[in-house]
């Protein structure tokens, strides 16, 4: 009985550890991001996706905007009239076009999507 209980607890621990690792991946987040496009977000994870994307914009836009010193490395110029929905749509489209990168961190691909979608016009 103890052995069976120990085996069950070990299996649950391994499953939980794997789920925690995958939760940050693009493959895990993509379905939730797509669902978040159906307003209002119905679950925490769907709102979490939109929050990550909008948060990335809030950090990246001032740092990499035209005229900033970091803009020489990579420049980001998101027009003021772009909605949060359009931001999420851009990230979803970017990730869907790269199925081979689904195991990568969602946040990394989200930032890459923003730079690719709204580069500065030099």
C-alpha atoms as a PDB file:
ATOM      1  CA  UNK A   1       0.000   0.000   0.000  1.00  0.00           C
ATOM      2  CA  UNK A   2       2.816   2.394   0.905  1.00  0.00           C
ATOM      3  CA  UNK A   3       4.600   1.620  -2.325  1.00  0.00           C
ATOM      4  CA  UNK A   4       1.475   2.348  -4.360  1.00  0.00           C
ATOM      5  CA  UNK A   5       0.912   5.629  -2.488  1.00  0.00           C
ATOM      6  CA  UNK A   6       4.543   6.621  -2.986  1.00  0.00           C
ATOM      7  CA  UNK A   7       4.296   5.796  -6.712  1.00  0.00           C
ATOM      8  CA  UNK A   8       1.116   7.847  -7.071  1.00  0.00           C
ATOM      9  CA  UNK A   9       2.605  10.844  -5.271  1.00  0.00           C
ATOM     10  CA  UNK A  10       5.759  10.648  -7.371  1.00  0.00           C
ATOM     11  CA  UNK A  11       3.726  10.542 -10.593  1.00  0.00           C
ATOM     12  CA  UNK A  12       1.688  13.547  -9.473  1.00  0.00           C
ATOM     13  CA  UNK A  13       4.822  15.479  -8.558  1.00  0.00           C
ATOM     14  CA  UNK A  14       6.400  14.772 -11.944  1.00  0.00           C
ATOM     15  CA  UNK A  15       3.203  15.728 -13.773  1.00  0.00           C
ATOM     16  CA  UNK A  16       2.915  18.970 -11.788  1.00  0.00           C
ATOM     17  CA  UNK A  17       6.559  19.850 -12.463  1.00  0.00           C
ATOM     18  CA  UNK A  18       6.149  19.246 -16.203  1.00  0.00           C
ATOM     19  CA  UNK A  19       2.940  21.287 -16.309  1.00  0.00           C
ATOM     20  CA  UNK A  20       4.662  24.176 -14.528  1.00  0.00           C
ATOM     21  CA  UNK A  21       7.488  24.163 -17.078  1.00  0.00           C
ATOM     22  CA  UNK A  22       5.137  24.065 -20.043  1.00  0.00           C
ATOM     23  CA  UNK A  23       2.868  26.856 -18.750  1.00  0.00           C
ATOM     24  CA  UNK A  24       5.348  29.481 -19.910  1.00  0.00           C
ATOM     25  CA  UNK A  25       5.692  28.040 -23.406  1.00  0.00           C
ATOM     26  CA  UNK A  26       4.164  29.477 -26.531  1.00  0.00           C
ATOM     27  CA  UNK A  27       2.441  26.173 -27.209  1.00  0.00           C
ATOM     28  CA  UNK A  28       0.684  26.285 -23.853  1.00  0.00           C
ATOM     29  CA  UNK A  29      -0.276  29.966 -24.052  1.00  0.00           C
ATOM     30  CA  UNK A  30      -1.365  30.125 -27.706  1.00  0.00           C
ATOM     31  CA  UNK A  31      -4.839  28.543 -27.300  1.00  0.00           C
ATOM     32  CA  UNK A  32      -5.541  30.836 -24.347  1.00  0.00           C
ATOM     33  CA  UNK A  33      -4.402  33.882 -26.286  1.00  0.00           C
ATOM     34  CA  UNK A  34      -6.663  32.931 -29.173  1.00  0.00           C
ATOM     35  CA  UNK A  35      -9.555  32.522 -26.723  1.00  0.00           C
ATOM     36  CA  UNK A  36      -8.796  35.910 -25.187  1.00  0.00           C
ATOM     37  CA  UNK A  37      -9.769  37.473 -28.503  1.00  0.00           C
ATOM     38  CA  UNK A  38     -13.373  36.540 -27.670  1.00  0.00           C
ATOM     39  CA  UNK A  39     -14.224  39.376 -25.298  1.00  0.00           C
ATOM     40  CA  UNK A  40     -14.477  39.411 -22.369  1.00  0.00           C
ATOM     41  CA  UNK A  41     -11.794  36.936 -21.331  1.00  0.00           C
ATOM     42  CA  UNK A  42     -13.534  34.032 -19.666  1.00  0.00           C
ATOM     43  CA  UNK A  43     -10.675  32.634 -17.636  1.00  0.00           C
ATOM     44  CA  UNK A  44      -7.717  33.918 -15.714  1.00  0.00           C
ATOM     45  CA  UNK A  45      -5.228  32.405 -18.162  1.00  0.00           C
ATOM     46  CA  UNK A  46      -6.874  34.146 -21.109  1.00  0.00           C
ATOM     47  CA  UNK A  47      -6.616  37.492 -19.330  1.00  0.00           C
ATOM     48  CA  UNK A  48      -3.087  36.577 -18.340  1.00  0.00           C
ATOM     49  CA  UNK A  49      -2.132  36.298 -22.006  1.00  0.00           C
ATOM     50  CA  UNK A  50      -3.462  39.739 -22.849  1.00  0.00           C
ATOM     51  CA  UNK A  51      -1.812  41.107 -19.719  1.00  0.00           C
ATOM     52  CA  UNK A  52       1.575  39.738 -20.735  1.00  0.00           C
ATOM     53  CA  UNK A  53       1.327  41.232 -24.214  1.00  0.00           C
ATOM     54  CA  UNK A  54       0.120  44.641 -23.023  1.00  0.00           C
ATOM     55  CA  UNK A  55       2.723  44.602 -20.250  1.00  0.00           C
ATOM     56  CA  UNK A  56       5.484  43.860 -22.750  1.00  0.00           C
ATOM     57  CA  UNK A  57       4.379  46.844 -24.796  1.00  0.00           C
ATOM     58  CA  UNK A  58       4.359  49.073 -21.709  1.00  0.00           C
ATOM     59  CA  UNK A  59       7.971  48.118 -21.012  1.00  0.00           C
ATOM     60  CA  UNK A  60       9.364  47.824 -24.549  1.00  0.00           C
ATOM     61  CA  UNK A  61       7.764  50.850 -26.225  1.00  0.00           C
ATOM     62  CA  UNK A  62       9.464  53.532 -24.089  1.00  0.00           C
ATOM     63  CA  UNK A  63      12.806  51.703 -24.126  1.00  0.00           C
ATOM     64  CA  UNK A  64      12.951  50.992 -27.848  1.00  0.00           C
ATOM     65  CA  UNK A  65      10.953  53.895 -29.288  1.00  0.00           C
ATOM     66  CA  UNK A  66      12.435  56.044 -32.040  1.00  0.00           C
ATOM     67  CA  UNK A  67      15.035  58.391 -30.596  1.00  0.00           C
ATOM     68  CA  UNK A  68      15.900  56.220 -27.595  1.00  0.00           C
ATOM     69  CA  UNK A  69      19.482  54.990 -27.247  1.00  0.00           C
ATOM     70  CA  UNK A  70      18.371  51.333 -27.329  1.00  0.00           C
ATOM     71  CA  UNK A  71      16.516  51.992 -30.573  1.00  0.00           C
ATOM     72  CA  UNK A  72      19.863  51.751 -32.362  1.00  0.00           C
ATOM     73  CA  UNK A  73      19.871  48.018 -31.503  1.00  0.00           C
ATOM     74  CA  UNK A  74      16.251  47.335 -32.325  1.00  0.00           C
ATOM     75  CA  UNK A  75      13.464  49.862 -32.688  1.00  0.00           C
ATOM     76  CA  UNK A  76       9.770  49.522 -31.837  1.00  0.00           C
ATOM     77  CA  UNK A  77       7.167  52.011 -33.012  1.00  0.00           C
ATOM     78  CA  UNK A  78       3.618  50.974 -32.145  1.00  0.00           C
ATOM     79  CA  UNK A  79       1.095  53.612 -33.229  1.00  0.00           C
ATOM     80  CA  UNK A  80      -1.033  55.055 -30.433  1.00  0.00           C
ATOM     81  CA  UNK A  81      -4.237  53.898 -32.100  1.00  0.00           C
ATOM     82  CA  UNK A  82      -3.310  50.182 -31.940  1.00  0.00           C
ATOM     83  CA  UNK A  83      -5.718  48.393 -29.598  1.00  0.00           C
ATOM     84  CA  UNK A  84      -4.876  45.721 -27.049  1.00  0.00           C
ATOM     85  CA  UNK A  85      -6.792  43.298 -29.234  1.00  0.00           C
ATOM     86  CA  UNK A  86      -4.555  44.133 -32.218  1.00  0.00           C
ATOM     87  CA  UNK A  87      -1.488  43.564 -30.057  1.00  0.00           C
ATOM     88  CA  UNK A  88      -2.701  40.079 -29.070  1.00  0.00           C
ATOM     89  CA  UNK A  89      -3.698  39.316 -32.679  1.00  0.00           C
ATOM     90  CA  UNK A  90      -0.179  40.196 -33.828  1.00  0.00           C
ATOM     91  CA  UNK A  91       1.364  37.880 -31.247  1.00  0.00           C
ATOM     92  CA  UNK A  92      -1.026  35.047 -32.085  1.00  0.00           C
ATOM     93  CA  UNK A  93      -0.319  35.389 -35.824  1.00  0.00           C
ATOM     94  CA  UNK A  94       3.437  35.492 -35.237  1.00  0.00           C
ATOM     95  CA  UNK A  95       3.423  32.361 -33.079  1.00  0.00           C
ATOM     96  CA  UNK A  96       1.034  30.440 -35.369  1.00  0.00           C
ATOM     97  CA  UNK A  97       3.403  31.089 -38.285  1.00  0.00           C
ATOM     98  CA  UNK A  98       6.239  29.425 -36.327  1.00  0.00           C
ATOM     99  CA  UNK A  99       4.946  26.045 -35.107  1.00  0.00           C
ATOM    100  CA  UNK A 100       8.512  24.796 -34.691  1.00  0.00           C
ATOM    101  CA  UNK A 101       9.008  27.345 -31.863  1.00  0.00           C
ATOM    102  CA  UNK A 102       6.038  26.307 -29.690  1.00  0.00           C
ATOM    103  CA  UNK A 103       8.323  25.073 -26.914  1.00  0.00           C
ATOM    104  CA  UNK A 104       9.988  28.491 -26.569  1.00  0.00           C
ATOM    105  CA  UNK A 105       9.001  30.985 -23.900  1.00  0.00           C
ATOM    106  CA  UNK A 106       5.795  32.804 -24.796  1.00  0.00           C
ATOM    107  CA  UNK A 107       7.147  36.148 -23.569  1.00  0.00           C
ATOM    108  CA  UNK A 108      10.199  35.917 -25.807  1.00  0.00           C
ATOM    109  CA  UNK A 109       8.102  35.235 -28.892  1.00  0.00           C
ATOM    110  CA  UNK A 110       5.620  37.960 -27.903  1.00  0.00           C
ATOM    111  CA  UNK A 111       8.391  40.561 -27.848  1.00  0.00           C
ATOM    112  CA  UNK A 112       9.756  39.295 -31.161  1.00  0.00           C
ATOM    113  CA  UNK A 113       6.250  39.557 -32.619  1.00  0.00           C
ATOM    114  CA  UNK A 114       5.980  43.183 -31.517  1.00  0.00           C
ATOM    115  CA  UNK A 115       9.342  44.107 -33.048  1.00  0.00           C
ATOM    116  CA  UNK A 116       8.531  42.309 -36.289  1.00  0.00           C
ATOM    117  CA  UNK A 117       5.029  43.774 -36.568  1.00  0.00           C
ATOM    118  CA  UNK A 118       5.862  47.380 -35.663  1.00  0.00           C
ATOM    119  CA  UNK A 119       9.488  48.122 -36.535  1.00  0.00           C
ATOM    120  CA  UNK A 120      10.615  51.708 -36.747  1.00  0.00           C
ATOM    121  CA  UNK A 121      10.525  53.248 -40.172  1.00  0.00           C
ATOM    122  CA  UNK A 122      14.101  54.366 -40.754  1.00  0.00           C
END
